[in-house]
Protein backbone atom coordinates (compact mmCIF):
# COMPACT_ATOMS: atom_id res chain seq x y z
CA MET A 1 23.32 34.57 22.29
CA THR A 2 24.94 35.67 19.57
CA ILE A 3 23.57 38.24 16.60
CA ASP A 4 24.81 36.71 12.91
CA ALA A 5 26.62 39.98 11.28
CA ALA A 6 26.50 38.41 7.98
CA PHE A 7 22.53 37.98 8.31
CA LEU A 8 21.96 41.66 9.15
CA LYS A 9 23.37 42.20 5.53
CA SER A 10 20.58 40.46 4.25
CA ILE A 11 18.04 42.85 6.09
CA SER A 12 17.08 45.43 3.44
CA TYR A 13 17.49 48.58 5.90
CA PHE A 14 21.45 47.59 6.44
CA SER A 15 22.44 45.97 3.32
CA VAL A 16 24.28 48.98 2.27
CA MET A 17 26.42 48.60 5.53
CA SER A 18 29.94 46.80 5.29
CA ALA A 19 30.83 43.65 6.76
CA ALA A 20 33.02 45.75 9.10
CA GLU A 21 30.13 48.12 10.36
CA LEU A 22 27.66 45.59 10.73
CA GLU A 23 30.00 43.64 13.31
CA ALA A 24 30.67 46.65 14.84
CA ASN A 25 27.18 47.45 15.71
CA LYS A 26 25.50 43.74 15.97
CA GLN A 27 25.48 44.33 19.81
CA LEU A 28 22.61 46.93 19.48
CA PHE A 29 20.68 44.11 18.32
CA THR A 30 18.71 41.41 20.70
CA GLU A 31 17.77 38.08 19.59
CA LYS A 32 14.19 36.27 20.60
CA THR A 33 12.46 32.82 19.90
CA VAL A 34 8.62 32.43 19.79
CA GLN A 35 6.89 29.31 19.11
CA ARG A 36 3.68 28.66 16.44
CA GLY A 37 0.85 30.78 17.07
CA GLU A 38 2.82 33.21 19.56
CA VAL A 39 1.55 36.66 19.05
CA ILE A 40 4.54 39.16 18.44
CA ILE A 41 2.71 42.08 17.46
CA MET A 42 -0.56 43.24 18.57
CA GLU A 43 -2.96 45.94 16.65
CA GLY A 44 -3.32 48.89 18.93
CA GLU A 45 -0.27 48.57 20.74
CA LEU A 46 2.68 50.94 20.75
CA SER A 47 6.11 49.53 19.65
CA ASP A 48 9.50 50.92 20.68
CA THR A 49 11.44 47.74 18.94
CA LEU A 50 11.59 47.43 15.67
CA TYR A 51 11.45 43.46 14.64
CA PHE A 52 13.14 41.49 11.58
CA VAL A 53 12.46 37.82 10.86
CA ALA A 54 15.68 36.04 11.41
CA ALA A 55 14.39 32.32 10.87
CA GLY A 56 10.71 30.99 10.23
CA ALA A 57 7.91 32.95 8.89
CA VAL A 58 5.56 35.22 10.56
CA LYS A 59 1.74 36.09 9.18
CA VAL A 60 1.01 39.93 9.28
CA PHE A 61 -2.77 40.36 9.52
CA LYS A 62 -5.65 42.41 10.25
CA THR A 63 -8.66 41.20 12.31
CA SER A 64 -12.30 42.80 11.51
CA ALA A 65 -14.79 43.52 14.57
CA GLN A 66 -16.72 40.36 13.82
CA GLY A 67 -13.50 38.11 13.93
CA LYS A 68 -12.70 37.88 10.20
CA GLU A 69 -8.84 37.98 9.34
CA GLN A 70 -7.09 39.09 6.18
CA ILE A 71 -3.60 38.28 6.19
CA LEU A 72 -1.51 41.16 4.50
CA SER A 73 1.64 39.46 3.85
CA ILE A 74 3.99 36.47 5.10
CA ALA A 75 7.32 37.85 6.75
CA ARG A 76 10.32 35.54 6.09
CA PRO A 77 14.04 35.83 7.04
CA GLY A 78 15.02 39.65 6.11
CA GLU A 79 11.84 41.25 6.40
CA ALA A 80 10.55 43.77 9.27
CA LEU A 81 7.49 43.35 11.14
CA ASN A 82 6.57 47.02 12.35
CA ASP A 83 8.79 49.63 10.46
CA ILE A 84 5.58 51.86 10.29
CA PRO A 85 4.62 52.39 13.87
CA VAL A 86 8.39 52.38 14.86
CA PHE A 87 8.96 55.30 12.42
CA ASP A 88 5.56 57.47 13.26
CA GLY A 89 5.17 56.60 16.72
CA LYS A 90 1.70 55.57 16.24
CA PRO A 91 -0.11 51.97 17.83
CA ASN A 92 0.42 49.04 15.62
CA PRO A 93 -2.00 48.93 12.76
CA VAL A 94 -1.48 45.11 11.91
CA ASN A 95 -1.07 41.88 14.23
CA ALA A 96 1.72 39.45 13.70
CA GLN A 97 1.87 35.76 14.50
CA ALA A 98 4.08 33.13 14.35
CA LEU A 99 3.43 30.27 12.07
CA GLY A 100 5.91 28.18 13.14
CA PRO A 101 9.04 28.44 15.55
CA VAL A 102 10.40 31.78 14.87
CA THR A 103 13.64 33.58 15.69
CA LEU A 104 13.67 37.27 15.98
CA TYR A 105 16.17 39.90 16.01
CA GLY A 106 14.82 42.98 17.92
CA LEU A 107 16.20 46.89 17.29
CA LYS A 108 15.30 49.58 19.94
CA LYS A 109 13.87 52.77 18.18
CA ASP A 110 16.70 54.98 19.78
CA LYS A 111 19.31 52.43 18.64
CA LEU A 112 18.20 52.37 15.08
CA LEU A 113 17.83 56.19 14.82
CA THR A 114 21.79 56.14 16.07
CA ILE A 115 22.66 53.82 13.46
CA MET A 116 20.47 56.13 10.99
CA GLN A 117 22.41 59.11 12.40
CA GLN A 118 26.25 57.33 12.00
CA TYR A 119 25.36 55.99 8.71
CA PRO A 120 23.39 58.51 6.56
CA LYS A 121 23.16 55.85 3.84
CA VAL A 122 21.27 53.68 6.07
CA ALA A 123 18.38 56.42 6.24
CA LEU A 124 18.54 57.04 2.64
CA ASN A 125 18.06 53.42 2.09
CA THR A 126 15.11 53.16 4.36
CA ASN A 127 13.22 55.43 1.97
CA LYS A 128 13.68 52.58 -0.51
CA VAL A 129 12.12 50.13 1.97
CA LEU A 130 9.07 51.65 2.91
CA ALA A 131 8.60 52.36 -0.90
CA GLU A 132 8.52 48.50 -1.30
CA ARG A 133 6.27 48.07 1.67
CA MET A 134 3.97 50.68 -0.25
CA ARG A 135 4.35 48.92 -3.36
CA GLN A 136 3.38 45.50 -1.73
CA LEU A 137 0.05 46.85 -0.39
CA VAL A 138 -0.81 48.42 -3.88
CA THR A 139 -0.49 45.14 -5.19
CA LEU A 140 -2.49 43.31 -2.58
CA VAL A 141 -5.14 45.86 -3.05
CA GLU A 142 -5.12 45.09 -6.92
CA ASP A 143 -5.18 41.29 -6.23
CA LEU A 144 -8.24 41.69 -4.05
CA SER A 145 -10.20 43.94 -6.18
CA PHE A 146 -9.55 42.71 -9.80
CA ARG A 147 -8.06 39.49 -9.78
CA HIS A 148 -11.03 36.35 -9.24
CA VAL A 149 -10.67 33.96 -6.56
CA LEU A 150 -9.17 31.02 -8.41
CA GLY A 151 -6.41 33.55 -9.46
CA ARG A 152 -5.84 34.49 -6.11
CA VAL A 153 -5.56 31.19 -4.75
CA THR A 154 -2.99 30.15 -7.97
CA LYS A 155 -0.67 33.26 -7.01
CA ILE A 156 -0.64 32.32 -3.27
CA LEU A 157 0.75 28.57 -4.42
CA LEU A 158 3.37 30.47 -6.92
CA ASN A 159 4.47 32.84 -4.04
CA HIS A 160 4.37 30.13 -1.09
CA SER A 161 5.55 26.80 -2.37
CA SER A 162 8.12 25.65 -4.99
CA GLU A 163 7.82 23.09 -7.90
CA GLY A 164 8.39 19.51 -6.80
CA ALA A 165 8.31 20.84 -2.95
CA GLY A 166 5.82 21.55 -0.21
CA ALA A 167 4.08 25.08 0.85
CA ASN A 168 7.51 26.66 2.37
CA ASP A 169 5.11 28.60 5.16
CA HIS A 170 3.06 25.34 5.68
CA LEU A 171 -0.08 27.45 5.25
CA THR A 172 -3.62 25.78 6.06
CA GLN A 173 -6.51 26.34 3.75
CA GLN A 174 -8.28 28.86 6.48
CA GLU A 175 -5.06 30.83 6.15
CA MET A 176 -4.95 30.62 2.36
CA ALA A 177 -8.42 32.27 2.35
CA ALA A 178 -7.37 34.97 4.89
CA MET A 179 -4.99 35.86 2.27
CA ALA A 180 -7.34 35.55 -0.78
CA GLY A 181 -10.34 37.29 0.86
CA THR A 182 -12.22 34.55 0.65
CA ALA A 183 -13.97 31.76 2.80
CA ARG A 184 -12.13 28.42 3.43
CA GLU A 185 -14.81 26.41 1.45
CA VAL A 186 -14.12 28.38 -1.60
CA VAL A 187 -10.00 27.94 -1.30
CA ALA A 188 -10.99 24.15 -1.05
CA ARG A 189 -12.58 24.25 -4.21
CA SER A 190 -10.01 25.99 -6.07
CA LEU A 191 -7.36 23.66 -4.99
CA LYS A 192 -9.60 20.29 -6.13
CA THR A 193 -9.94 22.12 -9.47
CA LEU A 194 -6.31 22.69 -9.67
CA GLU A 195 -5.42 18.95 -8.67
CA GLU A 196 -8.25 17.79 -11.33
CA GLN A 197 -6.62 19.68 -14.09
CA GLY A 198 -2.98 18.02 -13.12
CA PHE A 199 -1.53 21.52 -11.83
CA ILE A 200 -0.97 20.25 -8.39
CA ARG A 201 -0.87 17.44 -6.34
CA ILE A 202 -2.39 17.34 -2.68
CA GLU A 203 -0.88 15.50 -0.06
CA ARG A 204 -1.55 15.14 3.65
CA HIS A 205 0.44 17.99 5.06
CA ARG A 206 1.40 19.72 1.89
CA ILE A 207 0.65 21.14 -1.83
CA VAL A 208 2.86 20.09 -4.81
CA ILE A 209 3.17 22.27 -7.88
CA THR A 210 3.36 19.60 -10.86
CA ASN A 211 2.72 22.12 -13.60
CA LYS A 212 4.08 25.72 -12.89
CA LYS A 213 3.65 27.10 -16.29
CA SER A 214 -0.01 26.42 -16.16
CA LEU A 215 -0.43 28.22 -12.81
CA GLU A 216 1.43 31.44 -13.97
CA GLU A 217 -0.69 31.32 -16.79
CA ILE A 218 -4.01 31.01 -14.73
CA VAL A 219 -2.43 34.23 -13.03
CA ALA A 220 -1.63 36.07 -15.93
CA GLU A 221 -5.26 35.29 -17.28
CA SER A 222 -6.98 36.87 -14.14
CA GLY A 223 -4.97 39.99 -13.81
């Protein structure tokens, strides 16, 4: 098990550290792998370890009392999963589940605090990281409140697919619905509309963007 010090540089928290500083501290991190569908973080539980995605993709979501799922984000390599509960010491406000095989780097809270004390620039950088997290949540609220469903679905496609390629995170229509705050059937109709207009092509295991500019126009008009 070898922690990649060069990869640690891509994590926002530690981007201000030098290569030598990261190499000297990489032994503080642990590594583990999880499989698709495995729950990494459970809402309501306490966290003493901050997890970063090193490979793969993880969905971060809330579940209502009725079992309805709302996906808040898809965490990709370099992103943290549970910084808020690690910092405030309160229970996890969300769940996190692997969308496929995932490699995680873990850093115990006491080890994180040691790094922040030894390298004050990391502590200062943490403010920027948490501010960006807040900005992402505000954008999500804005999308769910003001953007119509077709615009939401289109934005998800743009964020999670690349032109001429399949969806990077292999999202199912149910997962897209959980991100858009709607029903799977509504997502299916939206995708059919986009396909009929020639903006996407739906294949067996992926959605291919064929007209990115038109999709961007839909998102702009729906905001």
